[in-house]
């Protein structure tokens, strides 16, 4: 472990520099940009910012109505129509409450997750091998895996906050578990599971539960450890029950929920080598990392042993790696995993995207890379003098690090060509409502609708943007984007598309109590734009009265009793 605080600070600084370099220019634009690295980023990044900001706001102002989020108005339990990422709230809340800036808070949460998870991997490998080089490469593998900083996690930062996983595996690998260690394991498992009570929780609890059952069946001195692991799993499972209860309430309110989704096909499971090459899987670590695992395992099989490492870390890390990989595969006999197949399950989106279960495999593979490098390092420098050995070890670490970063940027490996990435990290600009409109929103009460709205997947970003912008005023909004939508939502949006039609406005007002309509004029064209601009010039139309006007935004007040 770190015996000097200066070394711990240095390790954090190194990973901060690597994470900042890989995601540059995110740090330079931290106040008004979010990552834009995948097809879902335009919606998912905005949703992640909203869901964490809403939970922070609700806990600070009205915890009694925590589940009744301000989207999908007037729907009950709106928070639970998708992932809540409650475990990430503590990381988001501090920068959000300090700055009031949602983009800053989400970017800090992402970067903190990357830095802390890499550091946790470093610490665990250091504990096992006494090699900082091995620890550094374990952390670097995490930061050099495309799924972490390209495919998915940038828009859903709770999947970067995997910092508890390495310590869970460390404790599980102990020959015995004391009462104190069991309590720590239970707390860590609960904290990690709360990042996502479906996928991450399953990735934590399923391998631990399987391990516990195996130890109990093995009998002898292992049985006591098995029961303790099972107690930790039970505690963590109980901790996530309240979130599952919210999801179950959504299921009760929506008997046909399986069809109420923008994403009718449930997964992109691992089916071919191409999926691994393109970084679509959490377990698609750099090829150099896999080579180190194989080389280290061969050296161990030949009897090369480091002074502080036994076979136990290898066995447990391999168990979690294999279990995580197998869980991430497509269920046997399925051509897809559609929501309609989930009607009988406890949580509506359980296993909808099984690939995400591979996060535990990712963490375990990073640990195995560290162990593999430690074996390789010992085999090469074991008989050298101390000074020369340090130089050679540093050279090996640098060589492997540069190779993995080349794979990250270019997608090239020793055996396969890959898909290169842009030279700079792609970002999307985000902003609150315009000042004139925002000032009026903060004085006018009542439910709000943001226009334009569209049908299907093309319209989801508009809803996500309305949710993001709502964090600056916290009006109930008729807009909404999540894994699923509530009954009646499509019908309300069809009425919204007819505005400023008088009958549509009266129907929306009657159904939702609509009081405000905000029109983003930069996003509409043709006849639709003409009618809204004409309404603004006239000071209103029908029962809509112009309340505020910005450069590209119009705010109307609904003048109905």
Protein backbone atom coordinates (compact mmCIF):
# COMPACT_ATOMS: atom_id res chain seq x y z
CA UNK A 1 0.00 0.00 0.00
CA UNK A 2 0.97 3.66 -0.02
CA UNK A 3 3.09 4.36 3.03
CA UNK A 4 3.70 7.95 2.03
CA UNK A 5 0.89 10.41 1.23
CA UNK A 6 3.10 11.99 -1.42
CA UNK A 7 3.13 8.74 -3.41
CA UNK A 8 -0.64 8.44 -3.22
CA UNK A 9 -0.99 12.01 -4.45
CA UNK A 10 1.47 11.30 -7.27
CA UNK A 11 -0.53 8.26 -8.42
CA UNK A 12 -3.76 10.30 -8.44
CA UNK A 13 -2.00 13.06 -10.37
CA UNK A 14 -0.66 10.63 -12.96
CA UNK A 15 -4.09 9.12 -13.62
CA UNK A 16 -5.65 12.59 -13.68
CA UNK A 17 -3.11 13.62 -16.31
CA UNK A 18 -3.79 10.50 -18.40
CA UNK A 19 -7.59 10.87 -18.14
CA UNK A 20 -7.38 14.58 -18.92
CA UNK A 21 -5.11 13.93 -21.90
CA UNK A 22 -7.29 11.20 -23.37
CA UNK A 23 -10.45 13.32 -23.04
CA UNK A 24 -8.88 16.63 -24.11
CA UNK A 25 -10.35 19.23 -24.66
CA UNK A 26 -13.09 18.22 -22.18
CA UNK A 27 -11.33 19.89 -19.24
CA UNK A 28 -10.93 23.12 -21.22
CA UNK A 29 -14.68 23.12 -21.98
CA UNK A 30 -15.91 21.62 -18.73
CA UNK A 31 -18.57 24.29 -18.07
CA UNK A 32 -20.61 24.05 -21.26
CA UNK A 33 -19.78 20.81 -23.12
CA UNK A 34 -20.41 17.09 -22.60
CA UNK A 35 -18.78 14.07 -24.31
CA UNK A 36 -20.20 13.13 -27.71
CA UNK A 37 -18.49 9.83 -28.47
CA UNK A 38 -21.33 7.54 -29.54
CA UNK A 39 -24.72 7.51 -31.23
CA UNK A 40 -26.56 7.62 -27.91
CA UNK A 41 -24.48 10.48 -26.47
CA UNK A 42 -26.78 13.33 -27.65
CA UNK A 43 -29.55 11.87 -25.49
CA UNK A 44 -27.85 9.77 -22.83
CA UNK A 45 -25.40 12.44 -21.68
CA UNK A 46 -28.23 14.93 -21.20
CA UNK A 47 -30.31 12.30 -19.42
CA UNK A 48 -27.42 11.41 -17.08
CA UNK A 49 -26.98 15.07 -16.18
CA UNK A 50 -30.71 15.42 -15.49
CA UNK A 51 -31.13 12.21 -13.45
CA UNK A 52 -28.23 13.03 -11.13
CA UNK A 53 -29.21 16.68 -10.81
CA UNK A 54 -32.82 15.77 -10.07
CA UNK A 55 -31.90 13.32 -7.31
CA UNK A 56 -29.55 15.88 -5.75
CA UNK A 57 -32.28 18.53 -5.93
CA UNK A 58 -34.96 16.20 -4.52
CA UNK A 59 -32.82 15.03 -1.62
CA UNK A 60 -32.02 18.65 -0.75
CA UNK A 61 -35.54 20.04 -1.09
CA UNK A 62 -38.28 17.37 -1.02
CA UNK A 63 -37.03 13.84 -0.24
CA UNK A 64 -40.57 12.67 0.57
CA UNK A 65 -41.41 12.86 -3.17
CA UNK A 66 -38.04 11.54 -4.36
CA UNK A 67 -39.48 9.24 -7.03
CA UNK A 68 -41.84 11.79 -8.57
CA UNK A 69 -39.37 13.38 -10.95
CA UNK A 70 -40.29 16.46 -12.95
CA UNK A 71 -40.36 14.81 -16.41
CA UNK A 72 -43.29 13.00 -18.07
CA UNK A 73 -45.69 15.27 -16.13
CA UNK A 74 -48.23 14.32 -14.73
CA UNK A 75 -46.86 10.75 -14.46
CA UNK A 76 -46.18 9.22 -11.04
CA UNK A 77 -42.83 7.58 -10.19
CA UNK A 78 -41.24 9.22 -13.24
CA UNK A 79 -37.70 8.74 -11.88
CA UNK A 80 -38.02 4.98 -12.23
CA UNK A 81 -38.66 4.67 -15.98
CA UNK A 82 -34.96 3.94 -16.49
CA UNK A 83 -31.59 3.89 -14.75
CA UNK A 84 -31.32 6.05 -11.64
CA UNK A 85 -27.53 5.84 -11.03
CA UNK A 86 -28.20 6.70 -7.38
CA UNK A 87 -24.75 5.50 -6.33
CA UNK A 88 -23.18 8.27 -8.44
CA UNK A 89 -25.13 11.06 -6.71
CA UNK A 90 -22.49 11.71 -3.99
CA UNK A 91 -19.85 12.32 -6.67
CA UNK A 92 -22.18 14.59 -8.65
CA UNK A 93 -23.76 16.48 -5.75
CA UNK A 94 -20.71 18.29 -4.41
CA UNK A 95 -19.67 20.02 -7.68
CA UNK A 96 -23.33 20.62 -8.57
CA UNK A 97 -24.20 22.27 -5.26
CA UNK A 98 -20.95 24.24 -5.31
CA UNK A 99 -21.33 25.60 -8.86
CA UNK A 100 -24.96 25.19 -9.86
CA UNK A 101 -23.61 24.05 -13.24
CA UNK A 102 -24.91 20.67 -14.39
CA UNK A 103 -22.26 20.22 -17.10
CA UNK A 104 -19.43 20.85 -14.63
CA UNK A 105 -20.91 18.34 -12.18
CA UNK A 106 -21.39 15.60 -14.79
CA UNK A 107 -17.90 16.06 -16.26
CA UNK A 108 -16.34 16.04 -12.80
CA UNK A 109 -18.26 12.84 -12.02
CA UNK A 110 -16.93 11.18 -15.17
CA UNK A 111 -13.34 12.26 -14.61
CA UNK A 112 -13.48 11.36 -10.90
CA UNK A 113 -14.76 7.91 -11.82
CA UNK A 114 -11.93 7.36 -14.30
CA UNK A 115 -9.24 8.57 -11.90
CA UNK A 116 -10.52 6.79 -8.80
CA UNK A 117 -11.19 3.49 -10.56
CA UNK A 118 -7.72 3.47 -12.12
CA UNK A 119 -6.23 4.31 -8.71
CA UNK A 120 -8.22 1.52 -7.05
CA UNK A 121 -6.89 -0.97 -9.60
CA UNK A 122 -3.36 0.33 -8.97
CA UNK A 123 -3.74 -0.06 -5.19
CA UNK A 124 -5.05 -3.64 -5.37
CA UNK A 125 -2.34 -4.80 -7.78
CA UNK A 126 0.27 -3.06 -5.65
CA UNK A 127 -1.05 -4.93 -2.62
CA UNK A 128 -0.70 -8.22 -4.48
CA UNK A 129 2.63 -7.67 -6.25
CA UNK A 130 4.48 -4.77 -4.56
CA UNK A 131 5.07 -3.39 -8.08
CA UNK A 132 4.02 0.16 -8.94
CA UNK A 133 4.67 -0.62 -12.61
CA UNK A 134 2.17 -3.49 -12.51
CA UNK A 135 -0.34 -1.30 -10.68
CA UNK A 136 0.06 1.52 -13.20
CA UNK A 137 -0.56 -0.77 -16.15
CA UNK A 138 -3.67 -2.21 -14.49
CA UNK A 139 -5.06 1.31 -14.18
CA UNK A 140 -3.95 2.25 -17.68
CA UNK A 141 -5.72 -0.75 -19.20
CA UNK A 142 -8.96 0.59 -17.75
CA UNK A 143 -8.33 4.02 -19.27
CA UNK A 144 -7.24 2.47 -22.60
CA UNK A 145 -10.33 0.30 -23.09
CA UNK A 146 -12.54 1.91 -25.71
CA UNK A 147 -15.79 0.96 -24.01
CA UNK A 148 -14.77 3.04 -20.99
CA UNK A 149 -14.01 6.30 -22.79
CA UNK A 150 -15.65 5.89 -26.16
CA UNK A 151 -18.45 3.39 -26.55
CA UNK A 152 -20.69 3.88 -23.52
CA UNK A 153 -19.37 5.17 -20.19
CA UNK A 154 -18.72 8.80 -21.30
CA UNK A 155 -22.47 9.41 -21.56
CA UNK A 156 -23.39 7.21 -18.58
CA UNK A 157 -20.68 8.07 -16.05
CA UNK A 158 -21.82 5.64 -13.36
CA UNK A 159 -20.13 3.01 -15.53
CA UNK A 160 -16.83 4.82 -15.01
CA UNK A 161 -17.36 4.71 -11.24
CA UNK A 162 -16.23 1.11 -10.80
CA UNK A 163 -13.82 1.98 -7.99
CA UNK A 164 -15.36 -0.45 -5.48
CA UNK A 165 -15.00 -3.51 -7.73
CA UNK A 166 -11.21 -3.96 -7.30
CA UNK A 167 -11.53 -3.93 -3.50
CA UNK A 168 -14.46 -6.36 -3.67
CA UNK A 169 -12.24 -8.79 -5.58
CA UNK A 170 -9.35 -8.12 -3.17
CA UNK A 171 -11.51 -9.03 -0.17
CA UNK A 172 -13.06 -12.02 -1.92
CA UNK A 173 -9.56 -13.37 -2.62
CA UNK A 174 -8.61 -13.42 1.07
CA UNK A 175 -8.25 -16.92 2.55
CA UNK A 176 -10.50 -15.89 5.46
CA UNK A 177 -12.93 -13.08 6.11
CA UNK A 178 -13.05 -11.49 9.54
CA UNK A 179 -16.22 -9.85 10.78
CA UNK A 180 -14.77 -6.44 9.95
CA UNK A 181 -13.76 -7.54 6.44
CA UNK A 182 -17.24 -9.00 5.89
CA UNK A 183 -18.84 -5.69 6.84
CA UNK A 184 -16.50 -3.81 4.49
CA UNK A 185 -17.27 -6.26 1.67
CA UNK A 186 -21.01 -5.84 2.23
CA UNK A 187 -20.78 -2.03 2.17
CA UNK A 188 -18.59 -2.00 -0.95
CA UNK A 189 -20.94 -4.41 -2.73
CA UNK A 190 -23.92 -2.20 -1.85
CA UNK A 191 -22.21 1.00 -2.97
CA UNK A 192 -21.17 -0.54 -6.28
CA UNK A 193 -24.61 -2.07 -6.87
CA UNK A 194 -26.30 1.31 -6.37
CA UNK A 195 -24.49 2.65 -9.44
CA UNK A 196 -27.04 0.67 -11.46
CA UNK A 197 -29.40 -1.67 -9.63
CA UNK A 198 -29.89 -3.83 -12.72
CA UNK A 199 -26.65 -4.38 -14.63
CA UNK A 200 -23.91 -3.33 -12.21
CA UNK A 201 -25.75 -4.92 -9.29
CA UNK A 202 -26.03 -8.18 -11.19
CA UNK A 203 -22.35 -7.95 -12.15
CA UNK A 204 -21.49 -7.58 -8.46
CA UNK A 205 -23.91 -9.93 -6.77
CA UNK A 206 -24.09 -12.82 -9.23
CA UNK A 207 -20.34 -13.69 -9.16
CA UNK A 208 -20.17 -13.12 -5.39
CA UNK A 209 -23.23 -15.29 -4.86
CA UNK A 210 -21.83 -18.02 -7.08
CA UNK A 211 -18.53 -17.84 -5.21
CA UNK A 212 -20.31 -18.04 -1.86
CA UNK A 213 -22.30 -21.10 -2.88
CA UNK A 214 -19.17 -22.81 -4.18
CA UNK A 215 -17.29 -22.16 -0.94
CA UNK A 216 -20.17 -23.45 1.17
CA UNK A 217 -20.44 -26.60 -0.92
CA UNK A 218 -16.65 -27.11 -0.74
CA UNK A 219 -16.98 -27.40 3.04
CA UNK A 220 -14.13 -27.44 5.51
CA UNK A 221 -12.54 -24.13 6.48
CA UNK A 222 -13.92 -22.52 3.29
CA UNK A 223 -17.51 -22.94 4.42
CA UNK A 224 -17.30 -20.15 7.01
CA UNK A 225 -15.94 -17.77 4.39
CA UNK A 226 -18.73 -18.78 2.02
CA UNK A 227 -21.41 -17.93 4.56
CA UNK A 228 -19.79 -14.56 5.21
CA UNK A 229 -19.68 -13.74 1.50
CA UNK A 230 -23.33 -14.78 1.23
CA UNK A 231 -24.20 -12.46 4.13
CA UNK A 232 -22.46 -9.58 2.31
CA UNK A 233 -24.40 -10.36 -0.88
CA UNK A 234 -27.68 -10.43 1.04
CA UNK A 235 -26.97 -7.06 2.65
CA UNK A 236 -26.14 -5.47 -0.71
CA UNK A 237 -29.27 -6.95 -2.28
CA UNK A 238 -31.45 -5.51 0.48
CA UNK A 239 -29.89 -2.06 -0.04
CA UNK A 240 -31.06 -1.89 -3.66
CA UNK A 241 -34.60 -3.08 -2.96
CA UNK A 242 -36.06 0.48 -2.63
CA UNK A 243 -34.98 1.32 -6.19
CA UNK A 244 -36.42 -1.95 -7.49
CA UNK A 245 -39.68 -1.15 -5.68
CA UNK A 246 -39.85 2.08 -7.69
CA UNK A 247 -39.30 0.14 -10.93
CA UNK A 248 -41.98 -2.33 -9.89
CA UNK A 249 -44.43 0.53 -9.29
CA UNK A 250 -43.80 1.64 -12.87
CA UNK A 251 -44.54 -1.90 -14.05
CA UNK A 252 -47.85 -1.91 -12.12
CA UNK A 253 -48.85 1.45 -13.63
CA UNK A 254 -47.98 0.28 -17.16
CA UNK A 255 -49.12 -3.29 -17.94
CA UNK A 256 -47.84 -2.95 -21.53
CA UNK A 257 -44.52 -1.38 -20.61
CA UNK A 258 -42.53 -3.76 -22.81
CA UNK A 259 -43.80 -1.99 -25.93
CA UNK A 260 -43.40 1.53 -24.53
CA UNK A 261 -39.79 2.12 -25.52
CA UNK A 262 -37.68 3.84 -28.14
CA UNK A 263 -35.24 0.90 -28.10
CA UNK A 264 -37.23 -2.17 -29.21
CA UNK A 265 -34.18 -4.40 -29.60
CA UNK A 266 -32.48 -5.03 -26.32
CA UNK A 267 -28.81 -5.55 -26.97
CA UNK A 268 -25.65 -5.59 -28.91
CA UNK A 269 -24.25 -8.80 -27.37
CA UNK A 270 -20.84 -10.25 -28.09
CA UNK A 271 -21.27 -12.38 -31.17
CA UNK A 272 -18.05 -12.04 -33.15
CA UNK A 273 -14.42 -11.00 -33.06
CA UNK A 274 -15.45 -7.80 -34.86
CA UNK A 275 -17.43 -6.68 -31.80
CA UNK A 276 -14.38 -7.11 -29.62
CA UNK A 277 -12.12 -5.33 -32.11
CA UNK A 278 -14.42 -2.31 -32.27
CA UNK A 279 -14.54 -1.92 -28.49
CA UNK A 280 -18.27 -2.61 -28.18
CA UNK A 281 -17.72 -4.72 -25.07
CA UNK A 282 -16.42 -3.85 -21.59
CA UNK A 283 -14.15 -6.89 -21.85
CA UNK A 284 -12.52 -5.66 -25.09
CA UNK A 285 -9.30 -4.58 -23.37
CA UNK A 286 -6.18 -3.76 -25.44
CA UNK A 287 -4.52 -6.75 -27.09
CA UNK A 288 -1.26 -5.93 -25.34
CA UNK A 289 -3.08 -6.41 -22.06
CA UNK A 290 -4.31 -9.83 -23.13
CA UNK A 291 -0.78 -10.76 -24.19
CA UNK A 292 0.54 -9.80 -20.75
CA UNK A 293 -2.10 -11.98 -19.09
CA UNK A 294 -1.15 -14.98 -21.23
CA UNK A 295 2.59 -14.42 -20.77
CA UNK A 296 2.23 -13.97 -17.02
CA UNK A 297 0.08 -17.09 -16.73
CA UNK A 298 2.68 -19.13 -18.66
CA UNK A 299 5.47 -17.86 -16.43
CA UNK A 300 3.45 -18.73 -13.34
CA UNK A 301 2.74 -22.19 -14.72
CA UNK A 302 6.50 -22.69 -15.11
CA UNK A 303 6.99 -21.82 -11.47
CA UNK A 304 8.01 -18.13 -11.61
CA UNK A 305 6.65 -16.58 -8.40
CA UNK A 306 6.97 -13.05 -7.09
CA UNK A 307 7.88 -12.60 -3.47
CA UNK A 308 4.49 -11.22 -2.34
CA UNK A 309 2.13 -12.95 -4.73
CA UNK A 310 0.48 -16.35 -4.41
CA UNK A 311 -1.79 -18.17 -6.79
CA UNK A 312 -4.91 -16.91 -4.99
CA UNK A 313 -5.09 -13.46 -6.68
CA UNK A 314 -4.71 -15.10 -10.08
CA UNK A 315 -7.46 -17.63 -9.36
CA UNK A 316 -9.96 -15.10 -8.04
CA UNK A 317 -9.29 -12.47 -10.69
CA UNK A 318 -9.64 -15.16 -13.37
CA UNK A 319 -12.93 -16.32 -11.80
CA UNK A 320 -14.43 -12.82 -11.94
CA UNK A 321 -13.06 -12.23 -15.46
CA UNK A 322 -14.54 -15.43 -16.87
CA UNK A 323 -17.83 -14.98 -15.02
CA UNK A 324 -18.17 -11.41 -16.23
CA UNK A 325 -17.44 -12.38 -19.83
CA UNK A 326 -19.93 -15.24 -19.81
CA UNK A 327 -22.67 -13.07 -18.27
CA UNK A 328 -22.22 -10.51 -21.05
CA UNK A 329 -23.01 -13.01 -23.82
CA UNK A 330 -26.33 -13.21 -25.60
CA UNK A 331 -28.73 -15.65 -23.85
CA UNK A 332 -28.65 -19.06 -25.61
CA UNK A 333 -31.20 -19.50 -28.35
CA UNK A 334 -32.14 -15.79 -28.55
CA UNK A 335 -31.84 -13.75 -31.71
CA UNK A 336 -32.48 -10.62 -29.66
CA UNK A 337 -33.49 -9.60 -26.16
CA UNK A 338 -36.62 -7.56 -26.61
CA UNK A 339 -38.56 -5.85 -23.82
CA UNK A 340 -41.57 -8.04 -24.61
CA UNK A 341 -39.57 -11.02 -23.32
CA UNK A 342 -39.23 -9.41 -19.90
CA UNK A 343 -42.84 -9.23 -18.75
CA UNK A 344 -42.40 -11.83 -16.05
CA UNK A 345 -39.26 -10.38 -14.50
CA UNK A 346 -39.01 -8.25 -11.38
CA UNK A 347 -37.51 -5.19 -13.04
CA UNK A 348 -38.69 -4.08 -16.46
CA UNK A 349 -35.27 -3.65 -18.05
CA UNK A 350 -33.51 -6.60 -16.42
CA UNK A 351 -30.92 -8.02 -18.82
CA UNK A 352 -32.16 -5.85 -21.66
CA UNK A 353 -28.51 -5.15 -22.57
CA UNK A 354 -26.54 -8.13 -21.21
CA UNK A 355 -23.29 -6.76 -22.60
CA UNK A 356 -23.14 -4.29 -19.70
CA UNK A 357 -22.79 -7.17 -17.25
CA UNK A 358 -19.22 -7.44 -18.52
CA UNK A 359 -18.09 -4.56 -16.28
CA UNK A 360 -16.92 -7.01 -13.62
CA UNK A 361 -14.97 -8.86 -16.32
CA UNK A 362 -13.34 -5.58 -17.34
CA UNK A 363 -12.15 -4.86 -13.79
CA UNK A 364 -10.89 -8.41 -13.31
CA UNK A 365 -9.03 -8.34 -16.63
CA UNK A 366 -7.31 -5.10 -15.59
CA UNK A 367 -6.16 -6.82 -12.40
CA UNK A 368 -4.93 -9.81 -14.40
CA UNK A 369 -2.90 -7.49 -16.64
CA UNK A 370 -1.19 -6.12 -13.54
CA UNK A 371 -0.49 -9.63 -12.26
CA UNK A 372 0.77 -10.69 -15.69
CA UNK A 373 3.14 -7.75 -15.92
CA UNK A 374 4.45 -8.44 -12.41
CA UNK A 375 5.37 -11.98 -13.43
CA UNK A 376 6.97 -10.76 -16.65
CA UNK A 377 8.85 -8.02 -14.83
CA UNK A 378 10.26 -10.47 -12.32
CA UNK A 379 11.31 -12.93 -15.02
CA UNK A 380 13.21 -10.21 -16.91
CA UNK A 381 14.75 -8.12 -14.14
CA UNK A 382 14.82 -10.63 -11.30
CA UNK A 383 18.56 -11.27 -11.57
CA UNK A 384 19.61 -7.72 -12.37
CA UNK A 385 20.99 -5.26 -9.87
CA UNK A 386 18.56 -2.92 -8.13
CA UNK A 387 19.43 0.18 -10.14
CA UNK A 388 19.54 -1.55 -13.51
CA UNK A 389 16.37 -3.46 -12.67
CA UNK A 390 14.46 -0.24 -11.97
CA UNK A 391 15.59 1.23 -15.28
CA UNK A 392 14.56 -1.87 -17.23
CA UNK A 393 11.22 -2.08 -15.38
CA UNK A 394 10.46 1.56 -16.16
CA UNK A 395 11.35 0.95 -19.81
CA UNK A 396 9.01 -2.04 -19.95
CA UNK A 397 6.16 -0.06 -18.40
CA UNK A 398 6.70 2.80 -20.85
CA UNK A 399 6.82 0.43 -23.84
CA UNK A 400 3.59 -1.31 -22.88
CA UNK A 401 1.87 1.99 -22.02
CA UNK A 402 2.75 3.51 -25.40
CA UNK A 403 1.57 0.38 -27.16
CA UNK A 404 -1.80 0.45 -25.40
CA UNK A 405 -2.27 4.12 -26.15
CA UNK A 406 -1.53 3.42 -29.80
CA UNK A 407 -4.27 0.80 -29.76
CA UNK A 408 -6.61 3.34 -28.13
CA UNK A 409 -5.98 6.00 -30.76
CA UNK A 410 -5.48 3.97 -33.93
CA UNK A 411 -7.15 0.69 -33.11
CA UNK A 412 -4.05 -1.11 -34.38
CA UNK A 413 -2.57 -4.14 -32.72
CA UNK A 414 0.15 -6.62 -33.57
CA UNK A 415 -2.34 -8.89 -35.34
CA UNK A 416 -5.37 -6.88 -36.39
CA UNK A 417 -5.97 -3.49 -38.04
CA UNK A 418 -8.61 -1.43 -36.31
CA UNK A 419 -10.76 1.69 -36.48
CA UNK A 420 -8.91 4.92 -35.68
CA UNK A 421 -10.41 7.58 -33.44
CA UNK A 422 -10.45 11.36 -33.96
CA UNK A 423 -7.43 13.31 -32.82
CA UNK A 424 -9.44 15.19 -30.18
CA UNK A 425 -12.21 14.00 -27.92
CA UNK A 426 -15.62 14.81 -29.49
CA UNK A 427 -17.85 17.12 -27.44
CA UNK A 428 -21.36 18.54 -27.67
CA UNK A 429 -22.25 22.05 -26.51
CA UNK A 430 -25.01 22.40 -23.91
CA UNK A 431 -26.59 25.51 -22.43
CA UNK A 432 -29.49 26.61 -20.20
CA UNK A 433 -32.51 28.53 -21.52
CA UNK A 434 -31.69 32.04 -22.74
CA UNK A 435 -31.47 34.65 -19.95
CA UNK A 436 -34.70 36.48 -20.80
CA UNK A 437 -36.66 33.24 -20.95
CA UNK A 438 -35.01 31.73 -17.87
CA UNK A 439 -35.73 34.83 -15.78
CA UNK A 440 -39.42 34.60 -16.67
CA UNK A 441 -39.53 30.83 -16.07
CA UNK A 442 -38.27 31.39 -12.54
CA UNK A 443 -41.23 33.68 -11.79
CA UNK A 444 -44.03 31.77 -13.55
CA UNK A 445 -45.42 28.60 -11.90
CA UNK A 446 -46.92 25.55 -13.55
CA UNK A 447 -46.14 22.68 -15.93
CA UNK A 448 -44.02 23.43 -19.00
CA UNK A 449 -43.81 21.96 -22.50
CA UNK A 450 -40.76 22.54 -24.71
CA UNK A 451 -41.17 22.45 -28.48
CA UNK A 452 -40.43 21.13 -31.01
CA UNK A 453 -41.22 17.49 -30.29
CA UNK A 454 -40.79 14.72 -32.83
CA UNK A 455 -41.84 11.07 -33.15
CA UNK A 456 -39.48 8.15 -32.58
CA UNK A 457 -35.73 8.11 -32.06
CA UNK A 458 -35.05 11.42 -33.91
CA UNK A 459 -37.18 13.21 -31.34
CA UNK A 460 -35.50 11.84 -28.24
CA UNK A 461 -32.73 14.44 -28.12
CA UNK A 462 -35.29 17.24 -27.97
CA UNK A 463 -36.88 15.66 -24.93
CA UNK A 464 -33.51 15.00 -23.29
CA UNK A 465 -32.52 18.60 -23.94
CA UNK A 466 -35.74 19.81 -22.28
CA UNK A 467 -34.90 17.65 -19.25
CA UNK A 468 -31.36 19.04 -19.07
CA UNK A 469 -32.62 22.62 -19.33
CA UNK A 470 -35.23 21.96 -16.63
CA UNK A 471 -32.43 21.64 -14.07
CA UNK A 472 -32.14 25.44 -14.22
CA UNK A 473 -35.77 26.07 -13.24
CA UNK A 474 -37.29 22.71 -12.05
CA UNK A 475 -40.71 23.22 -13.58
CA UNK A 476 -42.72 20.01 -14.10
CA UNK A 477 -42.28 19.27 -17.82
CA UNK A 478 -44.43 17.26 -20.19
CA UNK A 479 -41.29 16.20 -22.11
CA UNK A 480 -39.38 13.10 -21.15
CA UNK A 481 -36.77 10.61 -22.33
CA UNK A 482 -35.77 7.37 -20.61
CA UNK A 483 -35.58 3.64 -21.18
CA UNK A 484 -39.38 3.54 -21.30
CA UNK A 485 -42.22 6.05 -21.48
CA UNK A 486 -45.50 6.08 -19.50
CA UNK A 487 -48.94 5.34 -20.82
CA UNK A 488 -50.48 8.40 -22.45
CA UNK A 489 -47.15 10.04 -23.30
CA UNK A 490 -47.29 9.48 -27.10
CA UNK A 491 -50.84 10.83 -27.20
CA UNK A 492 -49.81 13.97 -25.33
CA UNK A 493 -46.89 14.49 -27.71
CA UNK A 494 -49.19 14.15 -30.73
CA UNK A 495 -51.28 16.96 -29.27
CA UNK A 496 -48.11 18.97 -28.66
CA UNK A 497 -47.17 18.65 -32.33
CA UNK A 498 -50.47 20.33 -33.28
CA UNK A 499 -49.84 23.48 -31.22
CA UNK A 500 -50.77 26.32 -31.33
CA UNK A 501 -54.03 24.65 -32.37
CA UNK A 502 -56.71 25.69 -29.85
CA UNK A 503 -58.29 22.24 -29.41
CA UNK A 504 -54.90 20.60 -28.83
CA UNK A 505 -53.96 23.27 -26.30
CA UNK A 506 -57.22 22.85 -24.38
CA UNK A 507 -56.81 19.06 -24.33
CA UNK A 508 -53.25 19.33 -23.00
CA UNK A 509 -54.31 21.87 -20.42
CA UNK A 510 -57.19 19.68 -19.30
CA UNK A 511 -54.98 16.57 -19.04
CA UNK A 512 -51.82 18.06 -17.55
CA UNK A 513 -52.58 21.56 -16.25
CA UNK A 514 -50.16 22.98 -18.85
CA UNK A 515 -49.27 26.61 -18.08
CA UNK A 516 -46.16 27.38 -20.18
CA UNK A 517 -44.96 26.58 -23.71
CA UNK A 518 -41.33 27.21 -24.68
CA UNK A 519 -40.51 27.13 -28.38
CA UNK A 520 -36.90 26.71 -29.57
CA UNK A 521 -37.27 28.50 -32.88
CA UNK A 522 -33.79 27.58 -34.13
CA UNK A 523 -34.93 23.95 -34.40
CA UNK A 524 -38.08 24.47 -36.48
CA UNK A 525 -38.46 25.37 -40.15
CA UNK A 526 -41.08 25.98 -42.79
CA UNK A 527 -44.73 26.53 -41.99
CA UNK A 528 -44.28 25.53 -38.35
CA UNK A 529 -41.68 28.26 -37.84
CA UNK A 530 -43.84 30.79 -39.69
CA UNK A 531 -46.86 30.28 -37.45
CA UNK A 532 -44.83 30.55 -34.23
CA UNK A 533 -43.01 33.67 -35.37
CA UNK A 534 -46.33 35.21 -36.38
CA UNK A 535 -47.72 34.39 -32.92
CA UNK A 536 -44.72 36.09 -31.32
CA UNK A 537 -45.13 39.20 -33.47
CA UNK A 538 -48.80 39.42 -32.49
CA UNK A 539 -48.05 38.95 -28.78
CA UNK A 540 -49.78 35.58 -28.75
CA UNK A 541 -52.33 33.41 -30.49
CA UNK A 542 -55.59 32.03 -29.09
CA UNK A 543 -55.04 31.20 -25.42
CA UNK A 544 -51.24 31.52 -25.72
CA UNK A 545 -49.76 34.84 -24.60
CA UNK A 546 -46.12 35.77 -25.26
CA UNK A 547 -44.35 36.01 -21.88
CA UNK A 548 -40.69 36.32 -22.89
CA UNK A 549 -38.59 36.34 -26.03
CA UNK A 550 -34.94 35.49 -26.50
CA UNK A 551 -32.73 35.36 -29.56
CA UNK A 552 -33.97 31.91 -30.55
CA UNK A 553 -36.54 31.04 -27.87
CA UNK A 554 -40.15 32.07 -27.30
CA UNK A 555 -42.00 31.55 -24.01
CA UNK A 556 -45.81 31.58 -24.04
CA UNK A 557 -48.14 31.56 -21.06
CA UNK A 558 -51.33 29.50 -21.33
CA UNK A 559 -54.26 31.82 -20.67
CA UNK A 560 -56.81 29.25 -19.59
CA UNK A 561 -58.50 28.90 -16.18
